[in-house]
N, C-alpha and C. Protein backbone atom coordinates (compact mmCIF):
# COMPACT_ATOMS: atom_id res chain seq x y z
N UNK A 1 43.31 -8.41 -37.20
CA UNK A 1 43.01 -8.74 -35.53
C UNK A 1 41.56 -8.57 -35.07
N UNK A 2 40.69 -9.47 -34.67
CA UNK A 2 39.54 -9.08 -34.46
C UNK A 2 39.25 -8.27 -33.22
N UNK A 3 38.18 -7.70 -33.14
CA UNK A 3 37.81 -6.94 -32.03
C UNK A 3 37.42 -7.45 -30.83
N UNK A 4 37.46 -6.87 -29.55
CA UNK A 4 37.00 -7.25 -28.38
C UNK A 4 36.00 -6.56 -27.60
N UNK A 5 35.17 -7.08 -26.77
CA UNK A 5 34.23 -6.70 -25.70
C UNK A 5 34.58 -6.96 -24.39
N UNK A 6 33.99 -5.92 -23.61
CA UNK A 6 33.94 -5.81 -22.22
C UNK A 6 33.20 -5.05 -21.54
N UNK A 7 32.72 -5.21 -20.34
CA UNK A 7 31.61 -4.36 -19.75
C UNK A 7 32.58 -3.33 -18.94
N UNK A 8 32.17 -2.41 -18.82
CA UNK A 8 32.92 -1.42 -17.62
C UNK A 8 32.83 -1.94 -16.05
N UNK A 9 31.82 -2.69 -15.55
CA UNK A 9 31.75 -3.26 -14.43
C UNK A 9 33.05 -4.45 -14.49
N UNK A 10 33.28 -4.85 -15.50
CA UNK A 10 34.23 -5.93 -15.49
C UNK A 10 35.81 -5.38 -15.50
N UNK A 11 35.98 -4.26 -15.47
CA UNK A 11 37.35 -3.36 -15.71
C UNK A 11 37.92 -3.36 -14.31
N UNK A 12 39.24 -3.49 -14.20
CA UNK A 12 39.88 -3.21 -13.01
C UNK A 12 39.56 -2.02 -12.20
N UNK A 13 39.39 -1.74 -10.88
CA UNK A 13 39.04 -0.82 -10.24
C UNK A 13 40.40 -0.23 -9.44
N UNK A 14 40.45 1.09 -9.76
CA UNK A 14 41.63 1.72 -9.04
C UNK A 14 41.05 2.98 -7.98
N UNK A 15 40.77 2.67 -6.69
CA UNK A 15 40.30 4.01 -5.84
C UNK A 15 41.59 5.05 -5.79
N UNK A 16 41.28 6.29 -5.89
CA UNK A 16 42.37 7.35 -6.02
C UNK A 16 42.42 8.06 -5.00
N UNK A 17 43.68 7.85 -4.14
CA UNK A 17 43.55 8.41 -2.89
C UNK A 17 43.40 10.28 -3.00
N UNK A 18 42.73 10.75 -2.06
CA UNK A 18 42.55 12.31 -2.01
C UNK A 18 41.75 12.63 -2.97
N UNK A 19 40.75 11.89 -3.83
CA UNK A 19 39.96 12.54 -4.85
C UNK A 19 38.53 12.51 -4.51
N UNK A 20 38.12 12.44 -3.20
CA UNK A 20 36.77 12.32 -2.95
C UNK A 20 35.98 11.03 -3.19
N UNK A 21 36.62 9.85 -3.23
CA UNK A 21 36.09 8.84 -3.50
C UNK A 21 35.89 8.46 -5.01
N UNK A 22 37.06 9.03 -5.87
CA UNK A 22 37.05 8.89 -7.20
C UNK A 22 37.63 7.28 -7.47
N UNK A 23 36.99 6.63 -8.20
CA UNK A 23 37.65 5.24 -8.61
C UNK A 23 37.83 5.01 -10.24
N UNK A 24 38.91 5.05 -10.72
CA UNK A 24 39.47 4.96 -11.92
C UNK A 24 39.27 3.60 -12.62
N UNK A 25 38.51 3.48 -13.74
CA UNK A 25 38.28 2.21 -14.67
C UNK A 25 39.13 2.35 -15.85
N UNK A 26 40.27 1.76 -16.20
CA UNK A 26 41.22 1.81 -16.91
C UNK A 26 41.03 1.27 -18.40
N UNK A 27 40.23 1.94 -19.04
CA UNK A 27 39.61 1.62 -20.54
C UNK A 27 40.82 1.44 -21.62
N UNK A 28 41.48 2.41 -21.67
CA UNK A 28 42.39 2.51 -22.68
C UNK A 28 43.40 1.30 -22.29
N UNK A 29 43.87 1.48 -21.18
CA UNK A 29 44.81 0.07 -20.86
C UNK A 29 44.18 -1.29 -21.16
N UNK A 30 42.98 -1.44 -20.70
CA UNK A 30 42.61 -2.85 -20.98
C UNK A 30 42.29 -3.23 -22.64
N UNK A 31 41.98 -2.46 -23.44
CA UNK A 31 42.06 -2.70 -25.03
C UNK A 31 43.30 -2.21 -25.55
N UNK A 32 44.57 -1.65 -24.81
CA UNK A 32 45.55 -1.05 -25.44
C UNK A 32 45.57 -0.13 -26.37
N UNK A 33 44.47 0.72 -26.43
CA UNK A 33 44.47 1.73 -27.24
C UNK A 33 45.35 2.61 -27.48
N UNK A 34 45.90 3.01 -28.73
CA UNK A 34 47.06 3.87 -28.91
C UNK A 34 46.89 5.19 -29.63
N UNK A 35 45.29 5.41 -29.93
CA UNK A 35 45.21 6.59 -30.69
C UNK A 35 44.52 7.66 -29.81
N UNK A 36 43.81 7.15 -28.90
CA UNK A 36 43.31 8.24 -28.03
C UNK A 36 43.34 7.94 -26.51
N UNK A 37 43.07 8.75 -25.59
CA UNK A 37 42.78 8.23 -24.26
C UNK A 37 41.28 8.33 -23.96
N UNK A 38 40.98 7.16 -23.13
CA UNK A 38 39.66 6.90 -22.97
C UNK A 38 39.48 5.97 -21.28
N UNK A 39 38.89 6.83 -20.37
CA UNK A 39 38.90 6.06 -19.41
C UNK A 39 37.40 6.03 -18.61
N UNK A 40 37.27 5.28 -17.70
CA UNK A 40 35.77 5.65 -16.97
C UNK A 40 36.07 5.67 -15.57
N UNK A 41 35.22 6.48 -14.81
CA UNK A 41 35.12 6.51 -13.41
C UNK A 41 34.05 6.37 -12.90
N UNK A 42 34.00 5.88 -11.93
CA UNK A 42 32.63 5.13 -11.07
C UNK A 42 32.49 5.79 -9.79
N UNK A 43 31.52 6.11 -9.15
CA UNK A 43 31.21 6.46 -7.82
C UNK A 43 29.92 5.49 -7.32
N UNK A 44 30.28 4.91 -6.38
CA UNK A 44 29.06 4.02 -5.69
C UNK A 44 28.33 4.83 -5.16
N UNK A 45 28.78 6.10 -4.28
CA UNK A 45 27.55 6.78 -3.50
C UNK A 45 27.58 8.27 -4.37
N UNK A 46 26.62 8.78 -3.99
CA UNK A 46 26.30 10.28 -4.30
C UNK A 46 27.31 11.36 -3.76
N UNK A 47 27.79 12.11 -4.44
CA UNK A 47 28.69 13.16 -3.69
C UNK A 47 29.93 12.53 -3.55
N UNK A 48 30.37 11.50 -4.34
CA UNK A 48 31.63 11.05 -4.36
C UNK A 48 32.06 11.74 -5.99
N UNK A 49 33.25 11.99 -6.24
CA UNK A 49 33.73 12.55 -7.35
C UNK A 49 34.05 11.43 -8.46
N UNK A 50 33.54 11.92 -9.75
CA UNK A 50 33.45 11.10 -10.98
C UNK A 50 34.61 11.79 -11.87
N UNK A 51 34.79 12.99 -11.82
CA UNK A 51 35.67 13.66 -12.85
C UNK A 51 36.66 14.63 -11.88
N UNK A 52 37.84 14.56 -11.64
CA UNK A 52 38.69 15.36 -10.68
C UNK A 52 38.67 16.64 -11.38
N UNK A 53 38.83 17.71 -10.51
CA UNK A 53 38.75 19.09 -11.15
C UNK A 53 40.27 19.46 -11.45
N UNK A 54 39.99 19.96 -12.80
CA UNK A 54 41.41 20.08 -13.48
C UNK A 54 41.30 20.94 -14.70
N UNK A 55 42.04 21.33 -15.37
CA UNK A 55 42.41 22.09 -16.45
C UNK A 55 43.40 21.58 -17.55
N UNK A 56 43.07 21.04 -18.70
CA UNK A 56 43.84 20.62 -19.56
C UNK A 56 44.51 21.87 -20.58
N UNK A 57 45.66 22.08 -19.87
CA UNK A 57 46.48 23.38 -20.21
C UNK A 57 47.47 23.19 -21.71
N UNK A 58 47.50 21.68 -22.03
CA UNK A 58 48.37 21.53 -23.17
C UNK A 58 47.93 21.46 -24.37
N UNK A 59 46.54 21.55 -24.43
CA UNK A 59 45.97 21.67 -25.68
C UNK A 59 45.09 20.55 -25.71
N UNK A 60 44.77 19.45 -24.91
CA UNK A 60 43.99 18.49 -24.86
C UNK A 60 42.77 18.91 -24.98
N UNK A 61 41.56 18.20 -25.77
CA UNK A 61 40.16 18.53 -25.45
C UNK A 61 39.71 17.16 -25.10
N UNK A 62 38.56 17.23 -24.49
CA UNK A 62 37.91 15.89 -23.78
C UNK A 62 36.47 16.13 -24.13
N UNK A 63 35.72 14.87 -24.14
CA UNK A 63 34.40 14.54 -24.08
C UNK A 63 33.97 13.64 -23.05
N UNK A 64 33.20 13.93 -22.32
CA UNK A 64 32.79 13.02 -21.21
C UNK A 64 31.11 12.50 -21.36
N UNK A 65 31.18 11.50 -21.26
CA UNK A 65 29.64 10.77 -21.38
C UNK A 65 29.44 10.29 -20.08
N UNK A 66 27.89 10.43 -19.58
CA UNK A 66 27.44 10.09 -18.29
C UNK A 66 26.68 8.61 -18.95
N UNK A 67 27.38 7.68 -18.36
CA UNK A 67 26.95 6.22 -19.00
C UNK A 67 25.86 5.73 -17.95
N UNK A 68 25.92 5.73 -16.59
CA UNK A 68 24.99 5.47 -15.79
C UNK A 68 24.78 6.46 -14.51
N UNK A 69 23.48 6.54 -13.77
CA UNK A 69 23.30 7.38 -13.03
C UNK A 69 23.06 8.87 -13.33
N UNK A 70 23.56 9.74 -12.45
CA UNK A 70 23.60 11.11 -12.80
C UNK A 70 24.59 11.84 -12.03
N UNK A 71 25.12 12.98 -12.73
CA UNK A 71 26.22 13.71 -12.43
C UNK A 71 26.14 14.99 -12.20
N UNK A 72 26.86 15.78 -11.63
CA UNK A 72 26.75 17.15 -11.49
C UNK A 72 28.19 17.68 -11.78
N UNK A 73 28.18 18.40 -13.14
CA UNK A 73 29.54 18.98 -13.58
C UNK A 73 29.39 20.41 -13.24
N UNK A 74 30.96 21.10 -12.86
CA UNK A 74 30.98 22.25 -12.85
C UNK A 74 32.12 22.44 -14.26
N UNK A 75 31.79 23.36 -15.07
CA UNK A 75 32.41 23.80 -15.90
C UNK A 75 32.73 25.47 -15.75
N UNK A 76 33.90 25.70 -15.56
CA UNK A 76 34.38 27.38 -15.43
C UNK A 76 33.48 27.91 -14.16
N UNK A 77 33.23 27.18 -13.28
CA UNK A 77 32.20 27.97 -12.10
C UNK A 77 30.95 27.59 -12.65
N UNK A 78 30.44 27.20 -13.37
CA UNK A 78 29.06 26.96 -13.81
C UNK A 78 28.59 25.62 -13.56
N UNK A 79 27.37 25.28 -12.63
CA UNK A 79 26.99 23.86 -12.31
C UNK A 79 25.99 23.52 -13.73
N UNK A 80 26.02 22.19 -13.91
CA UNK A 80 25.29 21.46 -14.92
C UNK A 80 24.78 20.05 -14.45
N UNK A 81 23.60 20.06 -14.44
CA UNK A 81 22.82 18.64 -14.14
C UNK A 81 23.13 17.81 -15.49
N UNK A 82 23.76 16.33 -15.36
CA UNK A 82 23.89 15.72 -16.23
C UNK A 82 23.40 14.06 -16.03
N UNK A 83 22.27 14.06 -16.48
CA UNK A 83 21.63 12.60 -16.44
C UNK A 83 22.30 11.55 -17.30
N UNK A 84 22.04 10.20 -17.11
CA UNK A 84 22.86 9.46 -17.95
C UNK A 84 22.41 9.71 -19.44
N UNK A 85 23.43 9.59 -20.37
CA UNK A 85 23.05 10.03 -21.72
C UNK A 85 23.61 11.54 -22.27
N UNK A 86 24.16 12.35 -21.22
CA UNK A 86 24.44 13.51 -21.16
C UNK A 86 26.12 13.47 -21.98
N UNK A 87 26.21 14.54 -22.73
CA UNK A 87 27.52 14.40 -23.34
C UNK A 87 27.94 15.76 -22.98
N UNK A 88 29.36 15.97 -22.46
CA UNK A 88 29.64 17.06 -22.04
C UNK A 88 31.38 17.33 -22.67
N UNK A 89 31.44 18.40 -23.45
CA UNK A 89 32.49 18.94 -24.26
C UNK A 89 33.33 19.73 -23.41
N UNK A 90 34.73 19.41 -23.25
CA UNK A 90 35.43 20.38 -22.56
C UNK A 90 36.77 20.92 -23.40
N UNK A 91 36.62 22.12 -24.14
CA UNK A 91 37.84 22.45 -24.91
C UNK A 91 38.81 22.48 -23.92
N UNK A 92 40.37 22.82 -24.42
CA UNK A 92 41.39 22.77 -23.54
C UNK A 92 41.21 24.26 -22.86
N UNK A 93 41.79 23.96 -21.36
CA UNK A 93 41.78 24.97 -20.54
C UNK A 93 40.42 25.23 -19.90
N UNK A 94 39.52 24.49 -20.34
CA UNK A 94 38.27 24.53 -19.49
C UNK A 94 38.46 23.92 -18.05
N UNK A 95 38.09 24.72 -16.93
CA UNK A 95 38.17 24.11 -15.66
C UNK A 95 36.85 23.24 -15.48
N UNK A 96 37.10 22.14 -15.28
CA UNK A 96 36.06 21.09 -15.36
C UNK A 96 36.21 20.09 -13.96
N UNK A 97 35.11 19.59 -13.38
CA UNK A 97 34.89 18.59 -12.59
C UNK A 97 33.76 17.99 -12.42
N UNK A 98 33.37 16.85 -11.72
CA UNK A 98 31.83 16.43 -11.53
C UNK A 98 32.07 15.52 -9.95
N UNK A 99 30.75 15.44 -9.61
CA UNK A 99 30.73 14.57 -8.68
C UNK A 99 29.20 13.96 -9.04
N UNK A 100 29.29 12.77 -8.38
CA UNK A 100 28.10 11.78 -8.71
C UNK A 100 26.64 12.47 -7.93
N UNK A 101 25.78 12.31 -8.59
CA UNK A 101 24.38 12.89 -8.11
C UNK A 101 23.39 11.78 -7.44
N UNK A 102 23.86 10.59 -7.82
CA UNK A 102 23.16 9.46 -7.76
C UNK A 102 24.21 8.25 -7.49
N UNK A 103 23.61 7.38 -6.73
CA UNK A 103 24.71 6.00 -6.38
C UNK A 103 24.66 5.42 -7.55
N UNK A 104 26.24 4.90 -7.99
CA UNK A 104 26.10 4.16 -9.14
C UNK A 104 26.61 4.56 -10.18
N UNK A 105 26.89 6.10 -10.10
CA UNK A 105 27.11 6.94 -11.51
C UNK A 105 28.76 6.61 -12.24
N UNK A 106 28.40 6.41 -13.34
CA UNK A 106 29.65 6.10 -14.22
C UNK A 106 29.95 7.12 -15.45
N UNK A 107 31.18 7.76 -15.56
CA UNK A 107 31.25 8.56 -16.32
C UNK A 107 32.63 8.28 -17.21
N UNK A 108 32.34 8.20 -18.80
CA UNK A 108 33.42 7.92 -19.47
C UNK A 108 34.18 9.17 -20.17
N UNK A 109 35.24 9.03 -19.92
CA UNK A 109 36.12 10.35 -20.44
C UNK A 109 36.95 9.98 -21.57
N UNK A 110 36.82 10.87 -22.94
CA UNK A 110 37.55 10.70 -24.04
C UNK A 110 38.43 12.03 -24.45
N UNK A 111 39.72 11.54 -24.75
CA UNK A 111 40.35 12.95 -25.06
C UNK A 111 41.78 12.57 -25.84
N UNK A 112 42.10 13.73 -26.51
CA UNK A 112 43.33 13.64 -27.33
C UNK A 112 43.75 15.12 -27.57
N UNK A 113 44.94 15.41 -27.99
CA UNK A 113 45.47 16.45 -28.45
C UNK A 113 45.31 16.75 -30.09
N UNK A 114 44.43 17.82 -30.51
CA UNK A 114 44.47 17.90 -31.95
C UNK A 114 45.68 18.19 -32.78
N UNK A 115 46.15 17.35 -33.61
CA UNK A 115 47.28 17.57 -34.40
C UNK A 115 48.17 16.66 -33.91
N UNK A 116 48.31 16.13 -32.96
CA UNK A 116 49.48 15.06 -32.35
C UNK A 116 49.23 13.83 -32.36
N UNK A 117 50.48 12.95 -32.56
CA UNK A 117 50.38 11.64 -32.44
C UNK A 117 50.08 11.49 -30.81
N UNK A 118 49.18 10.63 -30.58
CA UNK A 118 48.68 10.19 -28.99
C UNK A 118 49.69 9.59 -28.18
N UNK A 119 49.92 9.89 -27.25
CA UNK A 119 50.89 8.95 -26.23
C UNK A 119 50.40 8.99 -24.95
N UNK A 120 50.10 7.67 -24.20
CA UNK A 120 49.62 7.69 -22.98
C UNK A 120 50.02 8.41 -22.18
N UNK A 121 49.29 9.03 -21.00
CA UNK A 121 49.82 10.34 -20.48
C UNK A 121 50.42 9.32 -18.98
N UNK A 122 51.55 10.02 -18.34
CA UNK A 122 52.01 9.39 -17.32
C UNK A 122 51.22 8.99 -16.06
N UNK A 123 50.24 10.17 -15.96
CA UNK A 123 49.36 9.79 -14.71
C UNK A 123 48.75 8.45 -14.75
N UNK A 124 48.62 7.74 -15.65
CA UNK A 124 48.18 6.03 -15.64
C UNK A 124 48.93 5.44 -14.93
N UNK A 125 50.12 5.69 -14.91
CA UNK A 125 51.17 4.64 -14.34
C UNK A 125 50.94 5.03 -12.75
N UNK A 126 51.04 6.66 -12.45
CA UNK A 126 51.12 7.07 -11.08
C UNK A 126 49.95 6.50 -10.46
N UNK A 127 48.39 6.66 -11.07
CA UNK A 127 47.40 6.40 -10.58
C UNK A 127 47.19 4.85 -10.24
N UNK A 128 47.59 3.88 -10.93
CA UNK A 128 47.68 2.58 -10.94
C UNK A 128 48.72 2.24 -9.58
N UNK A 129 49.73 2.78 -9.69
CA UNK A 129 50.79 2.59 -8.73
C UNK A 129 50.37 2.84 -7.17
N UNK A 130 50.08 4.07 -7.16
CA UNK A 130 49.62 4.57 -5.80
C UNK A 130 48.39 3.92 -5.12
N UNK A 131 47.41 3.79 -6.13
CA UNK A 131 46.23 3.03 -5.80
C UNK A 131 46.73 1.44 -5.22
N UNK A 132 47.67 0.70 -6.12
CA UNK A 132 48.14 -0.58 -5.72
C UNK A 132 48.76 -0.65 -4.27
N UNK A 133 49.45 0.25 -4.33
CA UNK A 133 50.25 0.59 -2.89
C UNK A 133 49.30 0.63 -1.97
N UNK A 134 48.20 1.49 -2.13
CA UNK A 134 47.31 1.77 -0.97
C UNK A 134 46.71 0.37 -0.53
N UNK A 135 46.43 -0.50 -1.68
CA UNK A 135 45.92 -1.59 -1.25
C UNK A 135 46.81 -2.87 -0.88
N UNK A 136 48.10 -2.37 -0.63
CA UNK A 136 49.00 -3.43 -0.05
C UNK A 136 49.69 -4.31 -1.07
N UNK A 137 49.70 -3.97 -2.47
CA UNK A 137 50.27 -4.89 -3.34
C UNK A 137 51.58 -4.12 -3.88
N UNK A 138 52.66 -4.14 -3.08
CA UNK A 138 54.05 -3.46 -3.35
C UNK A 138 54.45 -4.00 -4.75
N UNK A 139 54.56 -5.10 -4.97
CA UNK A 139 55.14 -5.60 -6.21
C UNK A 139 54.43 -5.16 -7.56
N UNK A 140 53.32 -5.16 -7.34
CA UNK A 140 52.60 -4.51 -8.52
C UNK A 140 52.64 -3.21 -8.82
N UNK A 141 52.68 -2.57 -7.47
CA UNK A 141 52.88 -0.97 -7.70
C UNK A 141 54.35 -0.67 -8.37
N UNK A 142 55.07 -1.45 -7.68
CA UNK A 142 56.49 -1.13 -8.29
C UNK A 142 56.60 -1.35 -10.11
N UNK A 143 56.03 -2.36 -10.21
CA UNK A 143 55.81 -2.76 -11.53
C UNK A 143 55.29 -1.32 -12.62
N UNK A 144 54.13 -0.75 -12.01
CA UNK A 144 53.60 0.31 -12.75
C UNK A 144 54.56 1.55 -12.57
N UNK A 145 55.07 1.81 -11.41
CA UNK A 145 55.98 2.73 -11.12
C UNK A 145 57.48 2.69 -12.38
N UNK A 146 57.93 1.55 -12.49
CA UNK A 146 59.19 1.35 -13.47
C UNK A 146 58.52 1.41 -14.76
N UNK A 147 57.43 0.72 -15.14
CA UNK A 147 56.80 1.07 -16.56
C UNK A 147 56.69 2.58 -17.05
N UNK A 148 56.07 3.34 -15.86
CA UNK A 148 56.06 4.89 -16.20
C UNK A 148 57.27 5.45 -16.31
N UNK A 149 58.50 4.96 -15.43
CA UNK A 149 59.79 5.67 -15.71
C UNK A 149 60.16 5.41 -17.14
N UNK A 150 59.98 3.95 -17.44
CA UNK A 150 60.33 3.66 -18.77
C UNK A 150 59.75 4.27 -19.94
N UNK A 151 58.59 4.56 -19.90
CA UNK A 151 57.80 5.48 -20.83
C UNK A 151 58.35 6.82 -20.81
N UNK A 152 58.41 7.62 -19.73
CA UNK A 152 58.69 8.99 -19.37
C UNK A 152 60.13 9.05 -18.59
N UNK A 153 61.11 8.73 -19.21
CA UNK A 153 62.40 8.80 -18.51
C UNK A 153 62.76 10.15 -17.97
N UNK A 154 62.47 11.33 -18.63
CA UNK A 154 63.05 12.40 -18.64
C UNK A 154 61.99 13.54 -18.19
N UNK A 155 60.88 12.88 -17.20
CA UNK A 155 59.76 13.50 -16.57
C UNK A 155 59.98 13.52 -15.28
N UNK A 156 59.97 14.58 -14.46
CA UNK A 156 60.30 14.61 -13.00
C UNK A 156 58.91 13.66 -12.21
N UNK A 157 57.67 13.71 -12.88
CA UNK A 157 56.39 13.47 -12.17
C UNK A 157 56.78 11.47 -11.70
N UNK A 158 57.50 10.96 -12.70
CA UNK A 158 57.80 9.56 -12.24
C UNK A 158 58.55 9.35 -11.18
N UNK A 159 59.69 10.14 -10.91
CA UNK A 159 60.69 9.85 -10.03
C UNK A 159 60.10 10.53 -8.59
N UNK A 160 59.27 11.67 -8.83
CA UNK A 160 58.75 12.13 -7.70
C UNK A 160 57.63 11.40 -6.90
N UNK A 161 56.92 10.63 -7.75
CA UNK A 161 55.95 9.69 -7.35
C UNK A 161 56.48 8.23 -6.73
N UNK A 162 57.91 7.95 -7.39
CA UNK A 162 58.13 6.79 -6.55
C UNK A 162 58.95 7.19 -5.57
N UNK A 163 59.40 8.30 -5.57
CA UNK A 163 60.06 8.92 -4.21
C UNK A 163 59.18 8.80 -2.88
N UNK A 164 57.89 9.59 -3.25
CA UNK A 164 56.62 9.15 -2.40
C UNK A 164 56.23 7.97 -1.90
N UNK A 165 56.26 7.00 -2.86
CA UNK A 165 56.16 5.50 -2.68
C UNK A 165 57.12 4.99 -1.75
N UNK A 166 58.56 5.17 -1.96
CA UNK A 166 59.65 4.73 -1.21
C UNK A 166 59.33 5.39 0.20
N UNK A 167 59.20 6.57 0.57
CA UNK A 167 59.22 7.20 1.60
C UNK A 167 57.90 6.54 2.52
N UNK A 168 56.89 6.20 1.92
CA UNK A 168 55.64 5.33 2.71
C UNK A 168 56.22 4.20 2.96
N UNK A 169 57.10 3.62 2.27
CA UNK A 169 57.55 2.35 2.45
C UNK A 169 58.65 2.20 3.52
N UNK A 170 59.12 3.51 3.92
CA UNK A 170 60.29 3.44 4.95
C UNK A 170 61.70 3.18 4.19
N UNK A 171 61.63 3.31 2.67
CA UNK A 171 63.05 3.06 2.08
C UNK A 171 63.52 4.56 2.06
N UNK A 172 64.17 4.74 3.01
CA UNK A 172 64.59 6.31 3.28
C UNK A 172 65.60 6.50 1.77
N UNK A 173 66.69 5.79 1.57
CA UNK A 173 67.54 6.01 0.48
C UNK A 173 67.10 6.10 -0.67
N UNK A 174 66.29 5.00 -1.07
CA UNK A 174 65.65 5.24 -2.35
C UNK A 174 64.69 6.22 -2.42
N UNK A 175 63.95 6.87 -1.36
CA UNK A 175 63.19 7.93 -1.58
C UNK A 175 63.98 9.07 -2.00
N UNK A 176 65.18 9.29 -1.19
CA UNK A 176 65.91 10.45 -1.37
C UNK A 176 66.51 10.33 -2.90
N UNK A 177 67.16 9.37 -3.38
CA UNK A 177 67.88 9.22 -4.68
C UNK A 177 66.65 9.64 -5.65
N UNK A 178 65.35 9.23 -5.65
CA UNK A 178 64.24 9.82 -6.54
C UNK A 178 63.98 11.00 -6.57
N UNK A 179 63.89 11.36 -5.09
CA UNK A 179 63.61 12.69 -5.29
C UNK A 179 64.78 13.90 -5.70
N UNK A 180 65.84 13.38 -5.63
CA UNK A 180 66.66 14.31 -5.85
C UNK A 180 66.96 14.45 -7.55
N UNK A 181 66.52 13.04 -8.17
CA UNK A 181 66.40 13.09 -9.77
C UNK A 181 65.18 13.86 -10.41
N UNK A 182 64.03 13.70 -9.59
CA UNK A 182 63.20 14.65 -9.94
C UNK A 182 63.42 16.20 -9.78
N UNK A 183 64.07 16.54 -8.66
CA UNK A 183 64.59 18.00 -8.64
C UNK A 183 65.73 18.43 -9.72
N UNK A 184 66.52 17.38 -10.20
CA UNK A 184 67.27 17.67 -11.04
C UNK A 184 66.51 17.83 -12.39
N UNK A 185 65.26 17.42 -12.71
CA UNK A 185 64.42 17.40 -13.81
C UNK A 185 63.65 18.59 -13.49
N UNK A 186 63.29 19.11 -12.20
CA UNK A 186 62.03 20.30 -12.23
C UNK A 186 62.39 20.74 -10.95
N UNK A 187 63.48 21.45 -10.51
CA UNK A 187 63.53 21.56 -9.20
C UNK A 187 62.26 22.80 -8.28
N UNK A 188 61.74 23.47 -9.35
CA UNK A 188 60.51 24.34 -8.80
C UNK A 188 59.46 23.49 -8.27
N UNK A 189 59.11 22.39 -9.00
CA UNK A 189 58.03 21.77 -8.48
C UNK A 189 58.28 20.96 -7.43
N UNK A 190 59.38 20.48 -7.18
CA UNK A 190 59.99 20.15 -5.98
C UNK A 190 59.82 20.69 -4.78
N UNK A 191 60.55 21.88 -5.01
CA UNK A 191 60.29 23.05 -3.99
C UNK A 191 59.15 23.15 -3.41
N UNK A 192 58.22 23.36 -4.70
CA UNK A 192 56.71 23.90 -4.39
C UNK A 192 55.98 22.88 -3.49
N UNK A 193 56.08 21.61 -3.77
CA UNK A 193 55.34 20.60 -3.15
C UNK A 193 55.88 19.46 -2.11
N UNK A 194 57.13 19.35 -2.08
CA UNK A 194 57.81 18.38 -1.37
C UNK A 194 57.41 18.58 0.07
N UNK A 195 57.76 19.87 0.53
CA UNK A 195 57.80 20.06 2.22
C UNK A 195 56.33 19.86 2.66
N UNK A 196 55.27 19.91 1.77
CA UNK A 196 54.02 19.72 2.35
C UNK A 196 53.42 18.56 1.92
N UNK A 197 54.06 17.82 1.29
CA UNK A 197 53.40 16.16 1.00
C UNK A 197 53.61 15.47 2.26
N UNK A 198 52.26 14.99 2.57
CA UNK A 198 52.39 14.01 3.74
C UNK A 198 53.13 12.45 3.63
N UNK A 199 53.41 12.42 2.12
CA UNK A 199 53.92 11.08 2.01
C UNK A 199 55.41 11.11 2.39
N UNK A 200 55.94 12.19 2.73
CA UNK A 200 57.05 12.47 3.05
C UNK A 200 57.49 12.60 4.55
N UNK A 201 56.31 12.26 5.39
CA UNK A 201 56.33 12.53 6.48
C UNK A 201 57.36 11.89 7.36
N UNK A 202 57.70 10.75 6.92
CA UNK A 202 58.93 9.99 7.55
C UNK A 202 60.48 10.99 7.51
N UNK A 203 60.30 11.89 6.45
CA UNK A 203 61.88 12.55 5.99
C UNK A 203 61.64 13.99 6.56
N UNK A 204 60.70 14.54 7.33
CA UNK A 204 60.34 16.05 7.50
C UNK A 204 61.49 16.56 8.17
N UNK A 205 62.47 15.65 8.99
CA UNK A 205 63.71 16.23 9.56
C UNK A 205 64.92 15.59 9.12
N UNK A 206 64.70 15.03 7.78
CA UNK A 206 66.03 14.51 7.19
C UNK A 206 66.88 15.53 6.53
N UNK A 207 68.14 15.73 6.71
CA UNK A 207 68.76 16.80 6.41
C UNK A 207 68.93 16.98 4.69
N UNK A 208 69.19 15.59 4.17
CA UNK A 208 69.22 15.39 2.72
C UNK A 208 67.80 15.80 2.12
N UNK A 209 66.78 15.36 2.76
CA UNK A 209 65.48 15.67 2.23
C UNK A 209 65.17 17.19 2.19
N UNK A 210 65.57 17.82 3.35
CA UNK A 210 65.30 19.14 3.37
C UNK A 210 66.38 19.74 2.32
N UNK A 211 67.58 19.59 2.09
CA UNK A 211 68.41 20.19 1.27
C UNK A 211 67.66 20.16 0.02
N UNK A 212 67.20 19.15 -0.68
CA UNK A 212 66.79 18.76 -1.74
C UNK A 212 65.41 19.80 -1.95
N UNK A 213 64.58 19.52 -0.92
CA UNK A 213 63.26 20.25 -1.15
C UNK A 213 63.42 21.83 -0.94
N UNK A 214 64.50 22.13 -0.16
CA UNK A 214 64.67 23.86 -0.14
C UNK A 214 65.46 24.52 -1.18
N UNK A 215 65.74 23.76 -1.99
CA UNK A 215 66.75 24.17 -3.19
C UNK A 215 65.68 25.08 -4.08
N UNK A 216 66.34 26.13 -4.81
CA UNK A 216 65.70 26.91 -5.72
C UNK A 216 66.54 26.92 -6.83
N UNK A 217 65.55 27.05 -7.93
CA UNK A 217 66.34 27.43 -9.44
C UNK A 217 67.05 28.77 -9.30
N UNK A 218 68.09 28.78 -10.29
CA UNK A 218 68.83 30.03 -10.56
C UNK A 218 67.98 31.50 -10.95
N UNK A 219 66.46 30.94 -11.36
CA UNK A 219 65.36 32.05 -11.55
C UNK A 219 65.08 32.67 -10.49
N UNK A 220 64.99 31.93 -9.14
CA UNK A 220 64.41 32.20 -7.83
C UNK A 220 63.75 31.15 -7.35
N UNK A 221 63.15 31.56 -6.20
CA UNK A 221 62.20 30.37 -5.57
C UNK A 221 61.14 30.27 -6.48
N UNK A 222 60.43 28.83 -6.12
CA UNK A 222 59.22 28.65 -6.58
C UNK A 222 58.21 29.51 -6.09
N UNK A 223 57.00 29.65 -6.99
CA UNK A 223 55.77 30.30 -6.18
C UNK A 223 54.76 29.59 -6.29
């Protein structure tokens, strides 16, 4: 099989809601890479996010490459100037995040977990599904959510995010069914997040929603 070439600017764009202008460019999905994760993030304006603030607490390590523009990285609370050509290595559990310091900044992120066979993360389908939903393409969004559930049928995240989408679309029964399944898989996270999640605004007074969201595990309430 021969290789293939594309430009970052030609990749599909997925604006990510609630992430200060973060726009995901799916490199791994474009090439169907199966051995490591790799994605690009672009900010059109200075001050927009190019790496969401997070920790990799499951052993993943990441390398970021500033491809164009200039970024400001925060690593465990310390600020770093990162012009184009900068490499930023983040061992597991490093608190990291970055914003664009110049318009047109693009950062490439590469990651995997040492010693394990790579498997695409479930967030890819969630990012794509929610972004497509925000863009008004319900059918494409549903395909993404369904693909995510097929890949991770026993993970709460896919059902929870599909419940969010159904609630936003006004599909009460479907939202409740998916939220209930998410709670069956991890009641603690549903208890922790559902009541404050704006996606469930249409269900805030629904008895079934409240019953699911307010349940606790036998070990006690979520913290």
